[in-house]
Structures are given as structure tokens and as C-alpha cells.
Amino acid sequence: MNSVFDDLYAKYHHDVYQFLFYMVKNKELAEDLVQEVYIRVLKSYGRFEGKSSEKTWLFSIARNVAIDHFRKQKGWKQRILEKFDFTTQDIKDDELMPEELALRNENTQFMYKCLDQCTIDQRMVIILRYIQELTITETAESLGWTESKVKTTQHRALKALKKLMEDRIEKEGLSDEEVRVER
């Protein structure tokens, strides 16, 4: 089991951390939740049937850990919405992580601000599909959804995100050169 666990950790630790970081927007909390994911992996690996890939299985556990964390919070629905507000989150670290460097890019920040206005389901699909680069099948397995629901949610999320970005460009009077909206 140790070598299997070590392999899982080595292969997917960063991806699981990144997913949780995007969900909770707090570096230390994401690290704590990653530990909880791997505790659950140790406890339940014997029940893993191999019906999905190990990566998909790990993201499913990570999703459940994040949901459990939000449920434990007082007023968890409101806290979920607050977690997606980058302007209120301070990430304190002298050394910037790749995710933080990307967030500093104005276009990326602009997109994330608009993504914050999408539904939680839409955000999860966008994060898993485009940031974690999971396939539709892997995303469906991770979320416990059908592939059809993932496709529909993805389509609606991209449409909503594009509209939010276009509306914000118009509202703030930004030029197309300043922010590009592409699909």
C-alpha cells in the first residue's frame, strides 16, 4: 500500500492541491484539505474498485472534502460565495506560486472576477475542465454527474462567463485590446 500511496501522492498531489486552492482560495486551508483527502485515500483505498481512473477517484474525494468543509462552516452557502471573491482573500507568501502569478495577470484576474459570478456548479466544471484539464468523462465521474450534465453545465458556464465578461467590459468602458473575450 505504501508504494501505491506514494505513487498517487507523487502523481496527483499538485493537481489535488490546485483544485482545492481554487475552491477555498486559501493556501493553508487547501493544504489542510489535501491532507484530509489523503487520509481518506488511506482509509478507503481497499474499497477502490478501479471503475474510474485514480485521478478521477481522487478528485471525487477532494470534491467531497471541500463540500464537507463548507458544510461545517456557519452559513456555509454564504461562505462558499465569499470564498470566490479574490479581492477579500489575502495570500501571504513571499514566494509566489504559479497559480498566484497567473492571477496577477490582468486578463486572468478579469476572467476570475467574472467566474466568481457564475454558479458553484459552473465554477466546478470550469475548474475541472479547463484548469485541471480533465475530460468530460473524468469530470462527470469526479462530480458524480452524467456526461450530459457536464456538457450542459459547461456550455452554460462558458456562455454565462462570456456574457459576464462582455457586460463588464461594456460597463467599465474597457477596450477590446485591454481584455479579450474568446471561447
Protein backbone atom coordinates (compact mmCIF):
# COMPACT_ATOMS: atom_id res chain seq x y z
CA MET A 1 0.00 0.00 0.00
CA ASN A 2 2.83 2.43 0.77
CA SER A 3 4.21 2.34 -2.76
CA VAL A 4 0.71 2.74 -4.23
CA PHE A 5 0.03 5.66 -1.88
CA ASP A 6 3.40 7.22 -2.69
CA ASP A 7 2.68 6.90 -6.41
CA LEU A 8 -0.75 8.51 -6.03
CA TYR A 9 0.72 11.30 -3.97
CA ALA A 10 3.61 11.94 -6.36
CA LYS A 11 1.39 11.92 -9.45
CA TYR A 12 -1.58 13.92 -8.24
CA HIS A 13 -0.67 15.93 -5.15
CA HIS A 14 -0.24 19.20 -7.05
CA ASP A 15 -3.44 18.73 -9.05
CA VAL A 16 -5.49 17.96 -5.93
CA TYR A 17 -3.94 20.93 -4.11
CA GLN A 18 -4.62 23.23 -7.05
CA PHE A 19 -8.26 22.11 -7.27
CA LEU A 20 -8.80 22.71 -3.54
CA PHE A 21 -6.97 26.03 -3.68
CA TYR A 22 -9.30 27.24 -6.44
CA MET A 23 -12.28 26.10 -4.37
CA VAL A 24 -11.31 27.63 -0.99
CA LYS A 25 -8.93 30.44 -2.10
CA ASN A 26 -6.73 29.94 0.95
CA LYS A 27 -3.30 28.34 0.74
CA GLU A 28 -3.13 26.95 4.28
CA LEU A 29 -6.70 25.67 4.23
CA ALA A 30 -6.09 23.99 0.86
CA GLU A 31 -3.01 22.26 2.32
CA ASP A 32 -5.07 21.05 5.29
CA LEU A 33 -7.80 19.77 2.99
CA VAL A 34 -5.23 17.94 0.83
CA GLN A 35 -4.12 16.12 3.99
CA GLU A 36 -7.73 15.18 4.66
CA VAL A 37 -8.03 13.86 1.08
CA TYR A 38 -5.04 11.58 1.55
CA ILE A 39 -6.27 10.42 4.96
CA ARG A 40 -9.49 9.36 3.25
CA VAL A 41 -7.46 7.71 0.48
CA LEU A 42 -5.56 5.64 3.06
CA LYS A 43 -8.78 4.61 4.77
CA SER A 44 -10.69 3.73 1.62
CA TYR A 45 -8.13 2.53 -0.95
CA GLY A 46 -9.11 -1.07 -0.24
CA ARG A 47 -12.62 -0.26 -1.49
CA PHE A 48 -11.39 1.40 -4.71
CA GLU A 49 -12.80 -0.80 -7.46
CA GLY A 50 -10.98 0.73 -10.41
CA LYS A 51 -14.20 1.64 -12.23
CA SER A 52 -12.69 5.08 -12.83
CA SER A 53 -9.14 6.34 -13.02
CA GLU A 54 -7.25 7.01 -9.81
CA LYS A 55 -7.13 10.71 -10.72
CA THR A 56 -10.90 10.86 -11.10
CA TRP A 57 -11.33 8.99 -7.82
CA LEU A 58 -9.01 11.47 -6.06
CA PHE A 59 -10.90 14.49 -7.44
CA SER A 60 -14.14 12.93 -6.28
CA ILE A 61 -12.71 12.62 -2.78
CA ALA A 62 -11.32 16.18 -2.98
CA ARG A 63 -14.72 17.49 -4.03
CA ASN A 64 -16.36 15.74 -1.07
CA VAL A 65 -13.72 17.07 1.32
CA ALA A 66 -14.34 20.62 0.06
CA ILE A 67 -18.12 20.23 0.37
CA ASP A 68 -17.72 18.78 3.88
CA HIS A 69 -15.55 21.76 4.81
CA PHE A 70 -18.14 24.24 3.52
CA ARG A 71 -20.94 22.39 5.35
CA LYS A 72 -19.07 22.64 8.64
CA GLN A 73 -18.93 26.40 8.28
CA LYS A 74 -21.67 28.52 9.81
CA GLY A 75 -23.78 29.83 6.95
CA TRP A 76 -21.86 27.64 4.51
CA LYS A 77 -23.72 28.81 1.40
CA GLN A 78 -22.73 32.40 2.03
CA ARG A 79 -19.17 31.35 2.87
CA ILE A 80 -18.90 29.45 -0.40
CA LEU A 81 -19.83 32.61 -2.25
CA GLU A 82 -17.31 34.62 -0.21
CA LYS A 83 -14.56 32.11 -0.93
CA PHE A 84 -14.76 33.01 -4.59
CA ASP A 85 -14.08 36.70 -4.02
CA PHE A 86 -10.39 37.21 -4.79
CA THR A 87 -10.50 40.82 -3.60
CA THR A 88 -11.13 39.78 0.02
CA GLN A 89 -8.58 36.98 0.15
CA ASP A 90 -5.01 37.69 1.17
CA ILE A 91 -2.48 35.10 0.15
CA LYS A 92 0.57 35.77 2.26
CA ASP A 93 3.76 34.26 0.98
CA ASP A 94 7.00 35.86 -0.15
CA GLU A 95 7.43 33.32 -2.91
CA LEU A 96 4.66 33.39 -5.49
CA MET A 97 3.17 30.13 -6.65
CA PRO A 98 2.35 29.56 -10.33
CA GLU A 99 -1.36 29.98 -9.58
CA GLU A 100 -0.70 33.31 -7.88
CA LEU A 101 1.44 34.53 -10.77
CA ALA A 102 -1.36 33.72 -13.19
CA LEU A 103 -3.87 35.56 -11.01
CA ARG A 104 -1.75 38.68 -11.22
CA ASN A 105 -2.19 38.80 -14.94
CA GLU A 106 -4.91 41.36 -15.55
CA ASN A 107 -6.80 39.33 -18.12
CA THR A 108 -6.78 36.30 -15.86
CA GLN A 109 -7.95 38.36 -12.88
CA PHE A 110 -10.70 39.82 -15.02
CA MET A 111 -11.85 36.34 -16.04
CA TYR A 112 -11.77 35.05 -12.45
CA LYS A 113 -13.81 38.00 -11.23
CA CYS A 114 -16.43 37.16 -13.81
CA LEU A 115 -16.19 33.44 -12.98
CA ASP A 116 -17.00 34.35 -9.36
CA GLN A 117 -20.46 35.41 -10.56
CA CYS A 118 -21.21 32.01 -12.11
CA THR A 119 -22.96 29.29 -10.11
CA ILE A 120 -20.91 26.93 -7.97
CA ASP A 121 -21.64 24.03 -10.35
CA GLN A 122 -20.47 26.13 -13.30
CA ARG A 123 -17.28 27.09 -11.45
CA MET A 124 -16.51 23.47 -10.56
CA VAL A 125 -16.93 22.37 -14.17
CA ILE A 126 -14.76 25.23 -15.49
CA ILE A 127 -12.05 24.50 -12.91
CA LEU A 128 -12.03 20.75 -13.58
CA ARG A 129 -12.31 21.01 -17.38
CA TYR A 130 -10.07 23.98 -18.16
CA ILE A 131 -7.73 24.41 -15.21
CA GLN A 132 -7.31 20.76 -14.21
CA GLU A 133 -7.78 19.64 -17.84
CA LEU A 134 -9.98 16.67 -17.03
CA THR A 135 -12.01 15.08 -19.80
CA ILE A 136 -15.79 15.25 -19.80
CA THR A 137 -15.90 11.64 -18.62
CA GLU A 138 -13.41 12.28 -15.80
CA THR A 139 -15.27 15.43 -14.78
CA ALA A 140 -18.59 13.54 -14.72
CA GLU A 141 -17.07 10.79 -12.57
CA SER A 142 -15.45 13.30 -10.21
CA LEU A 143 -18.69 15.20 -9.68
CA GLY A 144 -20.96 12.16 -9.69
CA TRP A 145 -22.85 13.55 -12.68
CA THR A 146 -23.75 12.24 -16.11
CA GLU A 147 -21.60 13.29 -19.05
CA SER A 148 -24.66 15.04 -20.45
CA LYS A 149 -24.98 17.18 -17.31
CA VAL A 150 -21.28 18.09 -17.50
CA LYS A 151 -21.62 19.09 -21.16
CA THR A 152 -24.75 21.14 -20.48
CA THR A 153 -23.24 22.82 -17.43
CA GLN A 154 -20.01 23.51 -19.32
CA HIS A 155 -21.92 25.05 -22.22
CA ARG A 156 -23.99 27.22 -19.90
CA ALA A 157 -20.92 28.17 -17.86
CA LEU A 158 -18.97 29.30 -20.91
CA LYS A 159 -21.96 31.21 -22.23
CA ALA A 160 -22.55 32.88 -18.85
CA LEU A 161 -18.87 33.66 -18.40
CA LYS A 162 -18.62 35.22 -21.85
CA LYS A 163 -21.75 37.34 -21.23
CA LEU A 164 -20.47 38.44 -17.81
CA MET A 165 -17.13 39.42 -19.33
CA GLU A 166 -18.76 41.31 -22.21
CA ASP A 167 -21.13 43.11 -19.82
CA ARG A 168 -18.27 44.06 -17.55
CA ILE A 169 -16.20 45.33 -20.48
CA GLU A 170 -19.13 47.48 -21.55
CA LYS A 171 -19.87 48.67 -18.01
CA GLU A 172 -16.25 49.58 -17.24
CA GLY A 173 -15.63 51.04 -20.68
CA LEU A 174 -12.67 48.78 -21.39
CA SER A 175 -11.42 48.42 -24.93
CA ASP A 176 -11.15 45.07 -26.71
CA GLU A 177 -7.36 45.43 -26.67
CA GLU A 178 -7.35 45.67 -22.89
CA VAL A 179 -9.36 42.47 -22.39
CA ARG A 180 -10.01 39.78 -24.96
CA VAL A 181 -13.10 37.63 -24.70
CA GLU A 182 -12.65 34.40 -26.60
CA ARG A 183 -14.12 30.98 -26.32
